[in-house]
Amino acid sequence: MLENVVIHVPHASLYIPEAYIPDYDLEVLSHEMLVMTDWYCNELFACEAEMVDLKVSRLVCDVERFRDDKDETMSQRGMG
C-alpha cells in the first residue's frame, strides 16, 4: 500500500547555501529558523513511502508560497 503514498515535507530543512547567507541579518535569521522550521517532520513521517523533502530551508525557497501574497491569509500577519 505504501507504493501509493507520497509524503511531502517542505519545511524541515535548516540548510541555507553559503551564497545566500550575506542576504540575511544573522540575528533575524536565527530567530526565523527557530520559528519557521517544521522541526523533525522528516523524521516523524519517515517510512517506506516516497518522501518529497526540500534540501534547503523554506527561508530560501518555500515551495508552498503563493505567487501573490494577497492569496495567503497569513500575509496579513507578516507571514506571506
PDB file of N, CA and C in Angstrom:
ATOM      1  N   MET A   1       0.813  -1.197   0.000  1.00  0.00           N
ATOM      2  CA  MET A   1       0.000   0.000   0.000  1.00  0.00           C
ATOM      3  C   MET A   1       0.860   1.266   0.000  1.00  0.00           C
ATOM      4  N   LEU A   2       2.026   1.242   0.608  1.00  0.00           N
ATOM      5  CA  LEU A   2       2.857   2.440   0.680  1.00  0.00           C
ATOM      6  C   LEU A   2       3.361   2.906  -0.684  1.00  0.00           C
ATOM      7  N   GLU A   3       3.280   2.051  -1.708  1.00  0.00           N
ATOM      8  CA  GLU A   3       3.701   2.495  -3.032  1.00  0.00           C
ATOM      9  C   GLU A   3       2.731   3.520  -3.616  1.00  0.00           C
ATOM     10  N   ASN A   4       1.572   3.702  -2.982  1.00  0.00           N
ATOM     11  CA  ASN A   4       0.582   4.680  -3.426  1.00  0.00           C
ATOM     12  C   ASN A   4       0.597   5.954  -2.577  1.00  0.00           C
ATOM     13  N   VAL A   5       1.611   6.109  -1.746  1.00  0.00           N
ATOM     14  CA  VAL A   5       1.665   7.247  -0.826  1.00  0.00           C
ATOM     15  C   VAL A   5       2.900   8.102  -1.130  1.00  0.00           C
ATOM     16  N   VAL A   6       2.690   9.407  -1.168  1.00  0.00           N
ATOM     17  CA  VAL A   6       3.803  10.350  -1.270  1.00  0.00           C
ATOM     18  C   VAL A   6       3.704  11.279  -0.067  1.00  0.00           C
ATOM     19  N   ILE A   7       4.784  11.396   0.675  1.00  0.00           N
ATOM     20  CA  ILE A   7       4.808  12.275   1.842  1.00  0.00           C
ATOM     21  C   ILE A   7       5.577  13.540   1.461  1.00  0.00           C
ATOM     22  N   HIS A   8       4.947  14.671   1.669  1.00  0.00           N
ATOM     23  CA  HIS A   8       5.510  15.969   1.295  1.00  0.00           C
ATOM     24  C   HIS A   8       5.960  16.690   2.569  1.00  0.00           C
ATOM     25  N   VAL A   9       7.259  16.891   2.712  1.00  0.00           N
ATOM     26  CA  VAL A   9       7.828  17.563   3.884  1.00  0.00           C
ATOM     27  C   VAL A   9       8.671  18.741   3.380  1.00  0.00           C
ATOM     28  N   PRO A  10       8.025  19.903   3.149  1.00  0.00           N
ATOM     29  CA  PRO A  10       8.738  21.008   2.515  1.00  0.00           C
ATOM     30  C   PRO A  10       9.489  21.957   3.446  1.00  0.00           C
ATOM     31  N   HIS A  11       9.292  21.865   4.756  1.00  0.00           N
ATOM     32  CA  HIS A  11       9.818  22.912   5.638  1.00  0.00           C
ATOM     33  C   HIS A  11      10.701  22.401   6.772  1.00  0.00           C
ATOM     34  N   ALA A  12      11.314  21.240   6.619  1.00  0.00           N
ATOM     35  CA  ALA A  12      12.110  20.676   7.707  1.00  0.00           C
ATOM     36  C   ALA A  12      13.608  20.992   7.598  1.00  0.00           C
ATOM     37  N   SER A  13      14.050  21.441   6.444  1.00  0.00           N
ATOM     38  CA  SER A  13      15.485  21.669   6.259  1.00  0.00           C
ATOM     39  C   SER A  13      15.963  22.946   6.950  1.00  0.00           C
ATOM     40  N   LEU A  14      17.173  22.886   7.450  1.00  0.00           N
ATOM     41  CA  LEU A  14      17.832  24.049   8.059  1.00  0.00           C
ATOM     42  C   LEU A  14      18.939  24.608   7.163  1.00  0.00           C
ATOM     43  N   TYR A  15      19.176  23.944   6.057  1.00  0.00           N
ATOM     44  CA  TYR A  15      20.308  24.303   5.197  1.00  0.00           C
ATOM     45  C   TYR A  15      20.048  25.580   4.401  1.00  0.00           C
ATOM     46  N   ILE A  16      20.980  26.504   4.499  1.00  0.00           N
ATOM     47  CA  ILE A  16      20.978  27.714   3.678  1.00  0.00           C
ATOM     48  C   ILE A  16      22.333  27.752   2.970  1.00  0.00           C
ATOM     49  N   PRO A  17      22.333  27.700   1.639  1.00  0.00           N
ATOM     50  CA  PRO A  17      23.601  27.727   0.907  1.00  0.00           C
ATOM     51  C   PRO A  17      24.413  28.982   1.244  1.00  0.00           C
ATOM     52  N   GLU A  18      25.719  28.816   1.307  1.00  0.00           N
ATOM     53  CA  GLU A  18      26.618  29.917   1.685  1.00  0.00           C
ATOM     54  C   GLU A  18      26.388  31.177   0.865  1.00  0.00           C
ATOM     55  N   ALA A  19      26.063  31.022  -0.397  1.00  0.00           N
ATOM     56  CA  ALA A  19      25.867  32.181  -1.277  1.00  0.00           C
ATOM     57  C   ALA A  19      24.720  33.070  -0.812  1.00  0.00           C
ATOM     58  N   TYR A  20      23.769  32.509  -0.059  1.00  0.00           N
ATOM     59  CA  TYR A  20      22.607  33.272   0.397  1.00  0.00           C
ATOM     60  C   TYR A  20      22.795  33.903   1.782  1.00  0.00           C
ATOM     61  N   ILE A  21      23.746  33.429   2.541  1.00  0.00           N
ATOM     62  CA  ILE A  21      23.946  33.910   3.913  1.00  0.00           C
ATOM     63  C   ILE A  21      24.106  35.432   3.991  1.00  0.00           C
ATOM     64  N   PRO A  22      24.875  36.077   3.101  1.00  0.00           N
ATOM     65  CA  PRO A  22      25.023  37.538   3.198  1.00  0.00           C
ATOM     66  C   PRO A  22      23.709  38.307   3.009  1.00  0.00           C
ATOM     67  N   ASP A  23      22.701  37.660   2.454  1.00  0.00           N
ATOM     68  CA  ASP A  23      21.406  38.320   2.241  1.00  0.00           C
ATOM     69  C   ASP A  23      20.585  38.437   3.521  1.00  0.00           C
ATOM     70  N   TYR A  24      21.037  37.816   4.591  1.00  0.00           N
ATOM     71  CA  TYR A  24      20.264  37.763   5.828  1.00  0.00           C
ATOM     72  C   TYR A  24      20.965  38.489   6.970  1.00  0.00           C
ATOM     73  N   ASP A  25      20.181  39.066   7.843  1.00  0.00           N
ATOM     74  CA  ASP A  25      20.663  39.563   9.126  1.00  0.00           C
ATOM     75  C   ASP A  25      20.755  38.310  10.001  1.00  0.00           C
ATOM     76  N   LEU A  26      21.924  37.962  10.470  1.00  0.00           N
ATOM     77  CA  LEU A  26      22.120  36.683  11.166  1.00  0.00           C
ATOM     78  C   LEU A  26      21.295  36.554  12.440  1.00  0.00           C
ATOM     79  N   GLU A  27      21.051  37.651  13.129  1.00  0.00           N
ATOM     80  CA  GLU A  27      20.213  37.607  14.331  1.00  0.00           C
ATOM     81  C   GLU A  27      18.764  37.282  13.961  1.00  0.00           C
ATOM     82  N   VAL A  28      18.271  37.936  12.928  1.00  0.00           N
ATOM     83  CA  VAL A  28      16.908  37.683  12.450  1.00  0.00           C
ATOM     84  C   VAL A  28      16.821  36.266  11.890  1.00  0.00           C
ATOM     85  N   LEU A  29      17.827  35.863  11.144  1.00  0.00           N
ATOM     86  CA  LEU A  29      17.849  34.527  10.553  1.00  0.00           C
ATOM     87  C   LEU A  29      17.752  33.451  11.627  1.00  0.00           C
ATOM     88  N   SER A  30      18.508  33.596  12.686  1.00  0.00           N
ATOM     89  CA  SER A  30      18.487  32.627  13.781  1.00  0.00           C
ATOM     90  C   SER A  30      17.082  32.480  14.359  1.00  0.00           C
ATOM     91  N   HIS A  31      16.421  33.591  14.593  1.00  0.00           N
ATOM     92  CA  HIS A  31      15.056  33.563  15.129  1.00  0.00           C
ATOM     93  C   HIS A  31      14.086  32.939  14.126  1.00  0.00           C
ATOM     94  N   GLU A  32      14.170  33.349  12.876  1.00  0.00           N
ATOM     95  CA  GLU A  32      13.258  32.834  11.850  1.00  0.00           C
ATOM     96  C   GLU A  32      13.427  31.331  11.655  1.00  0.00           C
ATOM     97  N   MET A  33      14.666  30.850  11.739  1.00  0.00           N
ATOM     98  CA  MET A  33      14.907  29.407  11.616  1.00  0.00           C
ATOM     99  C   MET A  33      14.201  28.651  12.738  1.00  0.00           C
ATOM    100  N   LEU A  34      14.264  29.190  13.953  1.00  0.00           N
ATOM    101  CA  LEU A  34      13.596  28.543  15.083  1.00  0.00           C
ATOM    102  C   LEU A  34      12.082  28.508  14.903  1.00  0.00           C
ATOM    103  N   VAL A  35      11.528  29.598  14.412  1.00  0.00           N
ATOM    104  CA  VAL A  35      10.075  29.744  14.310  1.00  0.00           C
ATOM    105  C   VAL A  35       9.496  29.070  13.067  1.00  0.00           C
ATOM    106  N   MET A  36      10.188  29.162  11.942  1.00  0.00           N
ATOM    107  CA  MET A  36       9.604  28.764  10.662  1.00  0.00           C
ATOM    108  C   MET A  36       9.946  27.346  10.211  1.00  0.00           C
ATOM    109  N   THR A  37      10.845  26.672  10.896  1.00  0.00           N
ATOM    110  CA  THR A  37      11.208  25.308  10.518  1.00  0.00           C
ATOM    111  C   THR A  37      10.218  24.319  11.125  1.00  0.00           C
ATOM    112  N   ASP A  38       9.806  23.351  10.322  1.00  0.00           N
ATOM    113  CA  ASP A  38       8.958  22.264  10.829  1.00  0.00           C
ATOM    114  C   ASP A  38       9.895  21.180  11.370  1.00  0.00           C
ATOM    115  N   TRP A  39      10.296  21.370  12.603  1.00  0.00           N
ATOM    116  CA  TRP A  39      11.314  20.534  13.231  1.00  0.00           C
ATOM    117  C   TRP A  39      10.938  19.058  13.244  1.00  0.00           C
ATOM    118  N   TYR A  40      11.841  18.227  12.748  1.00  0.00           N
ATOM    119  CA  TYR A  40      11.780  16.770  12.800  1.00  0.00           C
ATOM    120  C   TYR A  40      10.633  16.148  12.010  1.00  0.00           C
ATOM    121  N   CYS A  41       9.929  16.913  11.193  1.00  0.00           N
ATOM    122  CA  CYS A  41       8.843  16.317  10.398  1.00  0.00           C
ATOM    123  C   CYS A  41       9.369  15.251   9.447  1.00  0.00           C
ATOM    124  N   ASN A  42      10.559  15.459   8.906  1.00  0.00           N
ATOM    125  CA  ASN A  42      11.135  14.456   8.018  1.00  0.00           C
ATOM    126  C   ASN A  42      11.390  13.144   8.761  1.00  0.00           C
ATOM    127  N   GLU A  43      11.754  13.217  10.021  1.00  0.00           N
ATOM    128  CA  GLU A  43      11.967  12.006  10.815  1.00  0.00           C
ATOM    129  C   GLU A  43      10.641  11.426  11.304  1.00  0.00           C
ATOM    130  N   LEU A  44       9.736  12.287  11.699  1.00  0.00           N
ATOM    131  CA  LEU A  44       8.436  11.854  12.201  1.00  0.00           C
ATOM    132  C   LEU A  44       7.671  11.047  11.160  1.00  0.00           C
ATOM    133  N   PHE A  45       7.744  11.472   9.905  1.00  0.00           N
ATOM    134  CA  PHE A  45       6.976  10.817   8.854  1.00  0.00           C
ATOM    135  C   PHE A  45       7.806   9.871   7.995  1.00  0.00           C
ATOM    136  N   ALA A  46       9.031   9.599   8.394  1.00  0.00           N
ATOM    137  CA  ALA A  46       9.882   8.685   7.635  1.00  0.00           C
ATOM    138  C   ALA A  46       9.285   7.280   7.642  1.00  0.00           C
ATOM    139  N   CYS A  47       9.186   6.703   6.467  1.00  0.00           N
ATOM    140  CA  CYS A  47       8.683   5.332   6.327  1.00  0.00           C
ATOM    141  C   CYS A  47       9.078   4.845   4.936  1.00  0.00           C
ATOM    142  N   GLU A  48       8.486   3.761   4.499  1.00  0.00           N
ATOM    143  CA  GLU A  48       8.815   3.185   3.203  1.00  0.00           C
ATOM    144  C   GLU A  48       8.213   3.961   2.035  1.00  0.00           C
ATOM    145  N   ALA A  49       7.329   4.893   2.307  1.00  0.00           N
ATOM    146  CA  ALA A  49       6.689   5.660   1.235  1.00  0.00           C
ATOM    147  C   ALA A  49       7.683   6.632   0.612  1.00  0.00           C
ATOM    148  N   GLU A  50       7.363   7.066  -0.589  1.00  0.00           N
ATOM    149  CA  GLU A  50       8.163   8.098  -1.264  1.00  0.00           C
ATOM    150  C   GLU A  50       8.055   9.396  -0.481  1.00  0.00           C
ATOM    151  N   MET A  51       9.202  10.020  -0.180  1.00  0.00           N
ATOM    152  CA  MET A  51       9.167  11.285   0.554  1.00  0.00           C
ATOM    153  C   MET A  51       9.746  12.394  -0.315  1.00  0.00           C
ATOM    154  N   VAL A  52       9.006  13.479  -0.431  1.00  0.00           N
ATOM    155  CA  VAL A  52       9.478  14.672  -1.126  1.00  0.00           C
ATOM    156  C   VAL A  52       9.834  15.675  -0.037  1.00  0.00           C
ATOM    157  N   ASP A  53      11.125  15.854   0.174  1.00  0.00           N
ATOM    158  CA  ASP A  53      11.563  16.808   1.191  1.00  0.00           C
ATOM    159  C   ASP A  53      12.586  17.748   0.572  1.00  0.00           C
ATOM    160  N   LEU A  54      12.395  19.016   0.815  1.00  0.00           N
ATOM    161  CA  LEU A  54      13.301  20.011   0.259  1.00  0.00           C
ATOM    162  C   LEU A  54      14.620  19.972   1.012  1.00  0.00           C
ATOM    163  N   LYS A  55      15.691  20.181   0.299  1.00  0.00           N
ATOM    164  CA  LYS A  55      17.025  20.129   0.902  1.00  0.00           C
ATOM    165  C   LYS A  55      17.481  21.486   1.427  1.00  0.00           C
ATOM    166  N   VAL A  56      16.759  22.565   1.083  1.00  0.00           N
ATOM    167  CA  VAL A  56      17.118  23.896   1.574  1.00  0.00           C
ATOM    168  C   VAL A  56      15.994  24.432   2.446  1.00  0.00           C
ATOM    169  N   SER A  57      16.328  25.348   3.319  1.00  0.00           N
ATOM    170  CA  SER A  57      15.359  25.957   4.224  1.00  0.00           C
ATOM    171  C   SER A  57      14.268  26.688   3.449  1.00  0.00           C
ATOM    172  N   ARG A  58      13.078  26.708   4.010  1.00  0.00           N
ATOM    173  CA  ARG A  58      11.973  27.453   3.405  1.00  0.00           C
ATOM    174  C   ARG A  58      12.265  28.946   3.367  1.00  0.00           C
ATOM    175  N   LEU A  59      13.253  29.394   4.140  1.00  0.00           N
ATOM    176  CA  LEU A  59      13.634  30.799   4.113  1.00  0.00           C
ATOM    177  C   LEU A  59      14.360  31.155   2.814  1.00  0.00           C
ATOM    178  N   VAL A  60      14.839  30.140   2.104  1.00  0.00           N
ATOM    179  CA  VAL A  60      15.466  30.329   0.798  1.00  0.00           C
ATOM    180  C   VAL A  60      14.456  30.040  -0.310  1.00  0.00           C
ATOM    181  N   CYS A  61      13.729  28.942  -0.177  1.00  0.00           N
ATOM    182  CA  CYS A  61      12.764  28.532  -1.198  1.00  0.00           C
ATOM    183  C   CYS A  61      11.572  27.876  -0.515  1.00  0.00           C
ATOM    184  N   ASP A  62      10.435  28.554  -0.525  1.00  0.00           N
ATOM    185  CA  ASP A  62       9.211  27.997   0.060  1.00  0.00           C
ATOM    186  C   ASP A  62       8.321  27.520  -1.078  1.00  0.00           C
ATOM    187  N   VAL A  63       8.302  26.214  -1.292  1.00  0.00           N
ATOM    188  CA  VAL A  63       7.560  25.646  -2.424  1.00  0.00           C
ATOM    189  C   VAL A  63       6.050  25.747  -2.255  1.00  0.00           C
ATOM    190  N   GLU A  64       5.579  26.109  -1.084  1.00  0.00           N
ATOM    191  CA  GLU A  64       4.142  26.248  -0.856  1.00  0.00           C
ATOM    192  C   GLU A  64       3.691  27.707  -0.842  1.00  0.00           C
ATOM    193  N   ARG A  65       4.556  28.597  -1.208  1.00  0.00           N
ATOM    194  CA  ARG A  65       4.229  30.030  -1.197  1.00  0.00           C
ATOM    195  C   ARG A  65       3.379  30.381  -2.416  1.00  0.00           C
ATOM    196  N   PHE A  66       2.371  31.208  -2.200  1.00  0.00           N
ATOM    197  CA  PHE A  66       1.556  31.699  -3.302  1.00  0.00           C
ATOM    198  C   PHE A  66       2.355  32.705  -4.123  1.00  0.00           C
ATOM    199  N   ARG A  67       2.036  32.811  -5.397  1.00  0.00           N
ATOM    200  CA  ARG A  67       2.688  33.818  -6.249  1.00  0.00           C
ATOM    201  C   ARG A  67       2.354  35.222  -5.774  1.00  0.00           C
ATOM    202  N   ASP A  68       1.118  35.400  -5.303  1.00  0.00           N
ATOM    203  CA  ASP A  68       0.651  36.712  -4.859  1.00  0.00           C
ATOM    204  C   ASP A  68       0.304  36.628  -3.373  1.00  0.00           C
ATOM    205  N   ASP A  69       0.924  37.479  -2.553  1.00  0.00           N
ATOM    206  CA  ASP A  69       0.691  37.450  -1.103  1.00  0.00           C
ATOM    207  C   ASP A  69      -0.773  37.649  -0.725  1.00  0.00           C
ATOM    208  N   LYS A  70      -1.557  38.309  -1.559  1.00  0.00           N
ATOM    209  CA  LYS A  70      -2.967  38.530  -1.217  1.00  0.00           C
ATOM    210  C   LYS A  70      -3.752  37.215  -1.164  1.00  0.00           C
ATOM    211  N   ASP A  71      -3.217  36.146  -1.780  1.00  0.00           N
ATOM    212  CA  ASP A  71      -3.865  34.835  -1.736  1.00  0.00           C
ATOM    213  C   ASP A  71      -3.541  34.069  -0.453  1.00  0.00           C
ATOM    214  N   GLU A  72      -2.583  34.547   0.297  1.00  0.00           N
ATOM    215  CA  GLU A  72      -2.154  33.897   1.540  1.00  0.00           C
ATOM    216  C   GLU A  72      -2.755  34.629   2.727  1.00  0.00           C
ATOM    217  N   THR A  73      -3.621  33.957   3.469  1.00  0.00           N
ATOM    218  CA  THR A  73      -4.281  34.607   4.603  1.00  0.00           C
ATOM    219  C   THR A  73      -3.281  35.051   5.669  1.00  0.00           C
ATOM    220  N   MET A  74      -2.185  34.333   5.826  1.00  0.00           N
ATOM    221  CA  MET A  74      -1.193  34.688   6.847  1.00  0.00           C
ATOM    222  C   MET A  74      -0.373  35.924   6.473  1.00  0.00           C
ATOM    223  N   SER A  75      -0.479  36.391   5.228  1.00  0.00           N
ATOM    224  CA  SER A  75       0.272  37.595   4.844  1.00  0.00           C
ATOM    225  C   SER A  75      -0.197  38.813   5.632  1.00  0.00           C
ATOM    226  N   GLN A  76      -1.426  38.766   6.117  1.00  0.00           N
ATOM    227  CA  GLN A  76      -1.942  39.857   6.945  1.00  0.00           C
ATOM    228  C   GLN A  76      -1.254  39.891   8.308  1.00  0.00           C
ATOM    229  N   ARG A  77      -0.561  38.816   8.647  1.00  0.00           N
ATOM    230  CA  ARG A  77       0.162  38.728   9.908  1.00  0.00           C
ATOM    231  C   ARG A  77       1.683  38.737   9.680  1.00  0.00           C
ATOM    232  N   GLY A  78       2.082  39.194   8.489  1.00  0.00           N
ATOM    233  CA  GLY A  78       3.504  39.289   8.176  1.00  0.00           C
ATOM    234  C   GLY A  78       4.150  37.982   7.793  1.00  0.00           C
ATOM    235  N   MET A  79       3.343  36.973   7.461  1.00  0.00           N
ATOM    236  CA  MET A  79       3.890  35.664   7.114  1.00  0.00           C
ATOM    237  C   MET A  79       3.428  35.231   5.726  1.00  0.00           C
ATOM    238  N   GLY A  80       3.497  36.148   4.769  1.00  0.00           N
ATOM    239  CA  GLY A  80       3.051  35.845   3.407  1.00  0.00           C
ATOM    240  C   GLY A  80       4.083  35.110   2.624  1.00  0.00           C
TER     241      GLY A  80
END
